[in-house]
Each structure stands twice: as structure tokens, then as C-alpha cells.
Protein backbone atom coordinates (compact mmCIF):
# COMPACT_ATOMS: atom_id res chain seq x y z
CA MET A 1 78.53 10.00 68.93
CA ASN A 2 80.14 13.14 70.58
CA THR A 3 77.88 12.64 73.62
CA ILE A 4 79.15 8.96 74.04
CA PRO A 5 81.95 8.67 76.64
CA SER A 6 85.18 7.32 75.21
CA PRO A 7 87.89 5.44 77.08
CA PRO A 8 90.76 7.62 78.35
CA GLY A 9 93.44 7.89 75.74
CA ALA A 10 91.23 6.87 72.87
CA THR A 11 91.84 8.30 69.45
CA VAL A 12 88.98 8.54 66.86
CA VAL A 13 90.16 6.95 63.73
CA LYS A 14 87.11 7.14 61.57
CA THR A 15 83.29 7.91 61.76
CA VAL A 16 80.96 6.94 59.10
CA THR A 17 77.13 7.69 59.04
CA SER A 18 74.63 5.97 56.66
CA GLY A 19 70.98 6.22 56.17
CA HIS A 20 68.44 3.30 56.14
CA HIS A 21 65.64 3.28 53.44
CA ALA A 22 62.21 2.00 54.09
CA PRO A 23 62.06 -2.01 54.15
CA ASP A 24 60.22 -2.18 51.02
CA THR A 25 62.43 0.03 48.80
CA SER A 26 66.05 0.65 48.09
CA ASP A 27 65.63 4.15 46.76
CA GLY A 28 62.73 5.54 48.91
CA PRO A 29 63.12 7.99 51.79
CA ILE A 30 65.55 7.53 54.54
CA VAL A 31 63.82 6.30 57.64
CA GLY A 32 66.65 5.90 60.06
CA TRP A 33 70.45 6.40 60.61
CA THR A 34 73.47 4.54 61.71
CA THR A 35 76.72 5.90 62.78
CA VAL A 36 79.78 3.72 63.25
CA ARG A 37 82.95 5.08 64.79
CA GLU A 38 86.22 3.31 65.20
CA LEU A 39 88.63 4.13 68.10
CA ARG A 40 92.33 3.33 68.60
CA LEU A 41 93.22 2.35 72.18
CA ASP A 42 96.37 2.32 73.93
CA GLY A 43 96.56 -1.26 74.03
CA ARG A 44 97.06 -1.57 77.78
CA SER A 45 93.65 -2.86 78.76
CA ARG A 46 91.88 -6.14 78.31
CA ALA A 47 88.45 -6.20 76.55
CA ALA A 48 86.57 -6.95 79.78
CA GLN A 49 88.19 -3.88 81.38
CA VAL A 50 87.10 -1.71 78.29
CA VAL A 51 83.62 -3.08 78.43
CA ALA A 52 83.41 -2.61 82.39
CA ARG A 53 84.61 1.03 82.24
CA ALA A 54 82.23 1.72 79.09
CA ARG A 55 79.37 0.33 81.29
CA ARG A 56 80.08 2.69 84.12
CA ASP A 57 80.50 5.63 81.96
CA LEU A 58 77.40 5.02 79.78
CA GLN A 59 75.25 4.57 82.93
CA ARG A 60 76.50 7.73 84.31
CA ALA A 61 75.52 9.42 81.06
CA GLY A 62 72.07 8.15 81.35
CA TRP A 63 72.23 5.02 79.06
CA ARG A 64 70.41 1.92 80.08
CA ILE A 65 72.54 -1.28 79.63
CA LEU A 66 70.43 -3.81 77.76
CA ASP A 67 72.89 -6.84 77.76
CA ARG A 68 76.68 -7.44 77.88
CA ALA A 69 79.30 -10.02 78.14
CA ASP A 70 83.06 -9.41 78.80
CA PHE A 71 83.53 -8.71 75.11
CA TYR A 72 80.68 -6.54 74.05
CA LEU A 73 77.99 -4.27 75.29
CA ASN A 74 74.54 -3.04 74.19
CA ALA A 75 72.73 0.14 75.52
CA ARG A 76 69.95 2.38 74.91
CA ARG A 77 69.03 6.09 75.65
CA ASP A 78 65.85 7.50 74.45
CA ARG A 79 65.35 6.32 70.81
CA THR A 80 69.16 5.46 70.22
CA CYS A 81 70.65 2.05 70.49
CA LEU A 82 74.49 1.50 71.07
CA HIS A 83 76.43 -1.44 70.34
CA LEU A 84 80.12 -1.46 71.64
CA LEU A 85 82.75 -4.04 70.53
CA PRO A 86 86.44 -3.99 71.59
CA GLY A 87 88.87 -5.70 69.27
CA PRO A 88 92.31 -7.04 69.11
CA ARG A 89 93.50 -5.01 66.08
CA THR A 90 94.42 -1.33 65.84
CA PRO A 91 92.05 0.38 63.30
CA SER A 92 93.53 2.23 60.32
CA GLU A 93 92.18 5.30 58.58
CA GLU A 94 92.61 3.66 55.28
CA GLU A 95 90.45 0.71 56.01
CA THR A 96 86.74 0.76 55.51
CA ILE A 97 84.59 0.07 58.44
CA PRO A 98 83.03 -3.45 58.19
CA GLU A 99 79.36 -4.01 58.54
CA PHE A 100 78.71 -4.14 62.26
CA THR A 101 76.33 -6.66 63.71
CA ALA A 102 76.15 -7.05 67.58
CA THR A 103 76.07 -10.61 68.54
CA ASP A 104 76.18 -12.35 71.87
CA GLU A 105 78.32 -14.99 70.53
CA ALA A 106 82.08 -14.96 71.44
CA PRO A 107 84.80 -14.60 68.88
CA GLN A 108 86.32 -18.06 68.25
CA SER A 109 89.60 -18.31 69.94
CA GLU A 110 91.41 -21.38 71.33
CA GLU A 111 93.96 -19.33 73.36
CA SER A 112 91.91 -17.39 75.98
CA ALA A 113 88.42 -16.08 76.75
CA PRO A 114 87.32 -13.20 74.54
CA GLY A 115 87.38 -10.75 77.49
CA ASP A 116 91.13 -11.51 78.20
CA MET A 117 92.28 -10.27 74.86
CA ILE A 118 94.16 -6.90 74.76
CA ALA A 119 91.87 -4.38 73.09
CA HIS A 120 93.68 -2.17 70.67
CA GLY A 121 90.62 -1.13 68.85
CA LEU A 122 86.93 -0.28 69.74
CA VAL A 123 83.85 -0.04 67.38
CA LEU A 124 80.76 1.89 68.42
CA SER A 125 77.70 1.62 66.48
CA ALA A 126 74.72 4.00 67.20
CA SER A 127 71.39 3.61 65.40
CA ASP A 128 67.72 4.55 65.68
CA CYS A 129 65.82 1.89 67.65
């Protein structure tokens, strides 16, 4: 996670790493890892701006962008897959990090497009792929 560029002014709130067991057992050897990091943003950028900046920074750092929209981004470098999702809320150290699943479906909102929301938080999920 320390090699993944963060937006300027971002503050790391929490980082959690968990192991994945073989598919046929819950107590067997760990066969992979996922690390999820929550960042607090300054709240001055729209989600689309955060994603666009992340895309440029990641490409410069050697990541290949797999797919993206104005509200998320998926990338890969070597055997690591990265999912990036900006959010409208400010993360708190006391909260648990929710299960993170990348999706290409926009969050439901009647007010505006997902990329237009002001991003107060950012979730990065890196895992073996």
C-alpha cells in the first residue's frame, strides 16, 4: 500500500490486512492477502476528479488501468489488483472497514451523477490476483 500514490492532502485513517484460505477450507493455509486502506480527503474534489488524478498517478507508477468510471477505478501491476472507490463520507478510526467489492454499478442517487459527489473519503483495496 505504501507504493500506491495517495491524493495530495490525504490522511490515512485505517489499514487492515486479512488472509484468504484455500477455497475448500476455512482453516487451511492462507493462499492470498487483501489489504484495505481508508483515506480521509480534504473534501474539495469531486469523485471524478479523484479518480482521474488516481488514474494518472497510478499509470506513472507502472499500474495498468483495467476499467474505470467516474466513481471507481480498477488497476493491476504484476500480481496485485487494486480497486479504488471514493466516497461521500469522512472515514473514522473507530469504524470497521466494510467488506469491499468493486462493482461497475453506480451508487443509487437521484440528486446527481456519482462522479459529481464531493469525495470526503477514499477506499483502496489491494489483493493478489
